[in-house]
Amino acid sequence: MQADAHPDIRGIRDSIDNIDAALVHLLAERFKFTQRVGELKAESGIMPKDEAREARQIARLREIAVASGLDPIFVEKFQGFIVTEVVRLHHHIAGTETEPDVVA
């Protein structure tokens, strides 16, 4: 029996698709703000990476995850992925990015 054969799966998957689209829109909005932060940091000579802020955010998001019934380790990994991209963007804005390592 295929998964789509169950009558409830189609509707649930439609809901998942809607949530995925909302997440993409939210990430796009988030990155508009992080771009502006990167511009302000570059103008002010502030380093792209803020480890103290990152640690506070991870702690805060882990608490939210636990309260929401979501695995805090997953949330920390997800946030880490986002922060890595934000820092890369901030380095780009500041003109301090380095060439990626080339594997031969």
N, C-alpha and C. Protein backbone atom coordinates (compact mmCIF):
# COMPACT_ATOMS: atom_id res chain seq x y z
N MET A 1 0.85 -1.18 0.00
CA MET A 1 0.00 0.00 0.00
C MET A 1 0.89 1.25 0.00
N GLN A 2 0.68 2.13 -0.93
CA GLN A 2 1.44 3.37 -1.00
C GLN A 2 0.96 4.35 0.06
N ALA A 3 1.90 5.20 0.49
CA ALA A 3 1.56 6.17 1.54
C ALA A 3 0.41 7.07 1.13
N ASP A 4 0.38 7.47 -0.15
CA ASP A 4 -0.68 8.37 -0.62
C ASP A 4 -2.04 7.68 -0.65
N ALA A 5 -2.05 6.37 -0.52
CA ALA A 5 -3.31 5.64 -0.55
C ALA A 5 -4.13 5.87 0.73
N HIS A 6 -3.48 6.23 1.81
CA HIS A 6 -4.21 6.50 3.05
C HIS A 6 -4.92 7.85 2.90
N PRO A 7 -6.20 7.91 3.18
CA PRO A 7 -6.98 9.13 2.92
C PRO A 7 -6.52 10.36 3.70
N ASP A 8 -5.92 10.19 4.86
CA ASP A 8 -5.52 11.35 5.66
C ASP A 8 -4.17 11.93 5.26
N ILE A 9 -3.34 11.12 4.60
CA ILE A 9 -1.97 11.56 4.30
C ILE A 9 -1.94 12.75 3.36
N ARG A 10 -2.78 12.75 2.35
CA ARG A 10 -2.79 13.85 1.37
C ARG A 10 -3.02 15.21 2.04
N GLY A 11 -4.02 15.28 2.89
CA GLY A 11 -4.33 16.54 3.58
C GLY A 11 -3.22 16.96 4.52
N ILE A 12 -2.64 15.99 5.23
CA ILE A 12 -1.54 16.31 6.13
C ILE A 12 -0.34 16.81 5.33
N ARG A 13 -0.06 16.17 4.21
CA ARG A 13 1.06 16.61 3.38
C ARG A 13 0.82 18.00 2.79
N ASP A 14 -0.41 18.32 2.48
CA ASP A 14 -0.72 19.68 2.02
C ASP A 14 -0.40 20.69 3.11
N SER A 15 -0.72 20.34 4.34
CA SER A 15 -0.40 21.22 5.47
C SER A 15 1.11 21.37 5.63
N ILE A 16 1.84 20.28 5.50
CA ILE A 16 3.30 20.32 5.59
C ILE A 16 3.86 21.22 4.49
N ASP A 17 3.34 21.09 3.28
CA ASP A 17 3.80 21.93 2.16
C ASP A 17 3.56 23.41 2.44
N ASN A 18 2.42 23.73 3.03
CA ASN A 18 2.13 25.12 3.38
C ASN A 18 3.09 25.65 4.45
N ILE A 19 3.38 24.82 5.43
CA ILE A 19 4.32 25.22 6.48
C ILE A 19 5.72 25.40 5.89
N ASP A 20 6.14 24.50 4.99
CA ASP A 20 7.45 24.64 4.35
C ASP A 20 7.54 25.97 3.59
N ALA A 21 6.49 26.32 2.88
CA ALA A 21 6.48 27.60 2.15
C ALA A 21 6.58 28.77 3.12
N ALA A 22 5.86 28.69 4.23
CA ALA A 22 5.92 29.75 5.23
C ALA A 22 7.33 29.86 5.82
N LEU A 23 7.98 28.73 6.06
CA LEU A 23 9.35 28.75 6.58
C LEU A 23 10.31 29.44 5.61
N VAL A 24 10.16 29.17 4.32
CA VAL A 24 11.01 29.82 3.33
C VAL A 24 10.77 31.32 3.34
N HIS A 25 9.52 31.74 3.41
CA HIS A 25 9.20 33.18 3.46
C HIS A 25 9.78 33.82 4.73
N LEU A 26 9.68 33.12 5.86
CA LEU A 26 10.23 33.63 7.12
C LEU A 26 11.75 33.74 7.05
N LEU A 27 12.40 32.74 6.46
CA LEU A 27 13.85 32.81 6.31
C LEU A 27 14.26 33.98 5.42
N ALA A 28 13.51 34.20 4.35
CA ALA A 28 13.81 35.34 3.47
C ALA A 28 13.69 36.65 4.24
N GLU A 29 12.67 36.77 5.05
CA GLU A 29 12.48 37.97 5.86
C GLU A 29 13.61 38.11 6.88
N ARG A 30 13.97 37.01 7.51
CA ARG A 30 15.06 37.03 8.49
C ARG A 30 16.35 37.50 7.84
N PHE A 31 16.64 37.01 6.64
CA PHE A 31 17.88 37.37 5.98
C PHE A 31 17.88 38.82 5.50
N LYS A 32 16.73 39.42 5.29
CA LYS A 32 16.68 40.86 5.00
C LYS A 32 17.21 41.63 6.20
N PHE A 33 16.80 41.22 7.40
CA PHE A 33 17.26 41.88 8.61
C PHE A 33 18.74 41.61 8.86
N THR A 34 19.17 40.36 8.66
CA THR A 34 20.57 40.05 8.91
C THR A 34 21.48 40.76 7.91
N GLN A 35 20.99 40.99 6.70
CA GLN A 35 21.78 41.74 5.75
C GLN A 35 21.99 43.17 6.25
N ARG A 36 20.94 43.77 6.77
CA ARG A 36 21.06 45.13 7.29
C ARG A 36 22.03 45.17 8.48
N VAL A 37 21.96 44.17 9.36
CA VAL A 37 22.90 44.09 10.47
C VAL A 37 24.33 44.00 9.92
N GLY A 38 24.52 43.20 8.88
CA GLY A 38 25.84 43.08 8.27
C GLY A 38 26.34 44.39 7.71
N GLU A 39 25.45 45.14 7.09
CA GLU A 39 25.82 46.45 6.56
C GLU A 39 26.24 47.40 7.68
N LEU A 40 25.47 47.42 8.76
CA LEU A 40 25.78 48.28 9.90
C LEU A 40 27.10 47.87 10.56
N LYS A 41 27.32 46.56 10.68
CA LYS A 41 28.59 46.09 11.25
C LYS A 41 29.75 46.53 10.37
N ALA A 42 29.61 46.36 9.06
CA ALA A 42 30.69 46.74 8.15
C ALA A 42 30.98 48.23 8.23
N GLU A 43 29.94 49.04 8.26
CA GLU A 43 30.10 50.50 8.36
C GLU A 43 30.78 50.90 9.67
N SER A 44 30.55 50.14 10.72
CA SER A 44 31.07 50.48 12.05
C SER A 44 32.36 49.74 12.39
N GLY A 45 32.82 48.88 11.51
CA GLY A 45 34.04 48.12 11.78
C GLY A 45 33.86 47.01 12.80
N ILE A 46 32.64 46.54 12.96
CA ILE A 46 32.35 45.46 13.91
C ILE A 46 32.55 44.13 13.21
N MET A 47 33.17 43.18 13.90
CA MET A 47 33.43 41.86 13.34
C MET A 47 32.11 41.16 12.95
N PRO A 48 32.14 40.39 11.85
CA PRO A 48 30.93 39.70 11.41
C PRO A 48 30.40 38.67 12.41
N LYS A 49 31.28 38.02 13.14
CA LYS A 49 30.85 36.95 14.06
C LYS A 49 30.74 37.50 15.47
N ASP A 50 29.62 37.21 16.13
CA ASP A 50 29.38 37.65 17.51
C ASP A 50 29.07 36.41 18.34
N GLU A 51 30.13 35.80 18.88
CA GLU A 51 29.97 34.53 19.59
C GLU A 51 29.11 34.64 20.84
N ALA A 52 29.18 35.77 21.53
CA ALA A 52 28.35 35.94 22.74
C ALA A 52 26.88 35.96 22.37
N ARG A 53 26.54 36.68 21.31
CA ARG A 53 25.13 36.70 20.85
C ARG A 53 24.69 35.32 20.42
N GLU A 54 25.55 34.63 19.69
CA GLU A 54 25.20 33.29 19.22
C GLU A 54 24.91 32.36 20.39
N ALA A 55 25.73 32.43 21.43
CA ALA A 55 25.53 31.57 22.61
C ALA A 55 24.21 31.90 23.30
N ARG A 56 23.91 33.20 23.41
CA ARG A 56 22.62 33.59 24.03
C ARG A 56 21.45 33.08 23.19
N GLN A 57 21.56 33.21 21.88
CA GLN A 57 20.48 32.76 21.00
C GLN A 57 20.27 31.25 21.10
N ILE A 58 21.37 30.50 21.10
CA ILE A 58 21.25 29.04 21.21
C ILE A 58 20.55 28.67 22.52
N ALA A 59 20.97 29.27 23.62
CA ALA A 59 20.33 28.97 24.91
C ALA A 59 18.85 29.31 24.88
N ARG A 60 18.52 30.47 24.33
CA ARG A 60 17.11 30.89 24.25
C ARG A 60 16.30 29.95 23.36
N LEU A 61 16.85 29.60 22.21
CA LEU A 61 16.12 28.73 21.29
C LEU A 61 16.00 27.31 21.81
N ARG A 62 16.99 26.84 22.55
CA ARG A 62 16.89 25.51 23.16
C ARG A 62 15.73 25.49 24.17
N GLU A 63 15.58 26.55 24.95
CA GLU A 63 14.47 26.62 25.91
C GLU A 63 13.13 26.63 25.18
N ILE A 64 13.04 27.40 24.11
CA ILE A 64 11.81 27.44 23.32
C ILE A 64 11.51 26.07 22.73
N ALA A 65 12.55 25.41 22.25
CA ALA A 65 12.37 24.07 21.66
C ALA A 65 11.80 23.10 22.69
N VAL A 66 12.39 23.08 23.87
CA VAL A 66 11.92 22.18 24.92
C VAL A 66 10.46 22.49 25.26
N ALA A 67 10.15 23.76 25.42
CA ALA A 67 8.77 24.16 25.75
C ALA A 67 7.80 23.80 24.63
N SER A 68 8.30 23.72 23.40
CA SER A 68 7.45 23.41 22.24
C SER A 68 7.41 21.93 21.90
N GLY A 69 8.16 21.13 22.65
CA GLY A 69 8.19 19.69 22.38
C GLY A 69 9.05 19.32 21.19
N LEU A 70 10.04 20.16 20.88
CA LEU A 70 10.94 19.92 19.76
C LEU A 70 12.33 19.61 20.31
N ASP A 71 13.05 18.74 19.64
CA ASP A 71 14.38 18.34 20.07
C ASP A 71 15.32 19.56 20.07
N PRO A 72 15.85 19.95 21.23
CA PRO A 72 16.73 21.12 21.27
C PRO A 72 18.03 20.94 20.49
N ILE A 73 18.48 19.71 20.35
CA ILE A 73 19.69 19.46 19.55
C ILE A 73 19.42 19.78 18.09
N PHE A 74 18.25 19.39 17.60
CA PHE A 74 17.88 19.72 16.23
C PHE A 74 17.82 21.24 16.04
N VAL A 75 17.22 21.93 16.98
CA VAL A 75 17.09 23.39 16.90
C VAL A 75 18.46 24.04 16.90
N GLU A 76 19.36 23.53 17.73
CA GLU A 76 20.72 24.08 17.78
C GLU A 76 21.44 23.86 16.44
N LYS A 77 21.28 22.68 15.84
CA LYS A 77 21.89 22.42 14.54
C LYS A 77 21.30 23.33 13.47
N PHE A 78 20.00 23.50 13.49
CA PHE A 78 19.32 24.36 12.51
C PHE A 78 19.81 25.79 12.65
N GLN A 79 19.88 26.28 13.89
CA GLN A 79 20.36 27.64 14.14
C GLN A 79 21.82 27.78 13.71
N GLY A 80 22.60 26.75 13.96
CA GLY A 80 24.00 26.78 13.55
C GLY A 80 24.14 26.91 12.05
N PHE A 81 23.30 26.21 11.31
CA PHE A 81 23.31 26.30 9.86
C PHE A 81 22.98 27.72 9.42
N ILE A 82 21.98 28.33 10.03
CA ILE A 82 21.57 29.69 9.68
C ILE A 82 22.69 30.68 10.02
N VAL A 83 23.26 30.56 11.21
CA VAL A 83 24.31 31.48 11.64
C VAL A 83 25.53 31.37 10.73
N THR A 84 25.89 30.17 10.32
CA THR A 84 27.01 30.00 9.40
C THR A 84 26.78 30.79 8.12
N GLU A 85 25.58 30.73 7.59
CA GLU A 85 25.25 31.47 6.37
C GLU A 85 25.23 32.97 6.63
N VAL A 86 24.72 33.40 7.76
CA VAL A 86 24.68 34.82 8.10
C VAL A 86 26.11 35.37 8.22
N VAL A 87 26.97 34.65 8.90
CA VAL A 87 28.36 35.10 9.06
C VAL A 87 29.04 35.17 7.69
N ARG A 88 28.79 34.19 6.84
CA ARG A 88 29.34 34.23 5.48
C ARG A 88 28.86 35.48 4.75
N LEU A 89 27.58 35.79 4.87
CA LEU A 89 27.01 36.98 4.25
C LEU A 89 27.65 38.25 4.82
N HIS A 90 27.83 38.30 6.14
CA HIS A 90 28.44 39.47 6.77
C HIS A 90 29.89 39.66 6.31
N HIS A 91 30.62 38.57 6.17
CA HIS A 91 31.98 38.67 5.63
C HIS A 91 31.95 39.20 4.20
N HIS A 92 30.99 38.74 3.43
CA HIS A 92 30.87 39.21 2.05
C HIS A 92 30.59 40.72 2.02
N ILE A 93 29.67 41.15 2.84
CA ILE A 93 29.32 42.57 2.90
C ILE A 93 30.54 43.40 3.32
N ALA A 94 31.29 42.89 4.29
CA ALA A 94 32.45 43.61 4.81
C ALA A 94 33.67 43.51 3.89
N GLY A 95 33.58 42.61 2.89
CA GLY A 95 34.72 42.41 2.01
C GLY A 95 35.85 41.63 2.65
N THR A 96 35.52 40.83 3.66
CA THR A 96 36.53 40.06 4.37
C THR A 96 36.40 38.56 4.14
N GLU A 97 35.65 38.19 3.13
CA GLU A 97 35.48 36.76 2.88
C GLU A 97 36.76 36.19 2.30
N THR A 98 36.97 34.93 2.57
CA THR A 98 38.13 34.23 2.04
C THR A 98 37.68 33.21 1.03
N GLU A 99 38.59 32.78 0.19
CA GLU A 99 38.27 31.77 -0.80
C GLU A 99 38.01 30.44 -0.07
N PRO A 100 37.03 29.69 -0.53
CA PRO A 100 36.78 28.39 0.11
C PRO A 100 37.95 27.45 -0.17
N ASP A 101 38.16 26.52 0.74
CA ASP A 101 39.21 25.53 0.53
C ASP A 101 38.89 24.70 -0.69
N VAL A 102 39.90 24.46 -1.50
CA VAL A 102 39.72 23.65 -2.70
C VAL A 102 40.28 22.27 -2.41
N VAL A 103 39.47 21.26 -2.63
CA VAL A 103 39.90 19.89 -2.41
C VAL A 103 40.32 19.32 -3.75
N ALA A 104 41.53 18.82 -3.80
CA ALA A 104 42.04 18.27 -5.06
C ALA A 104 41.73 16.80 -5.16
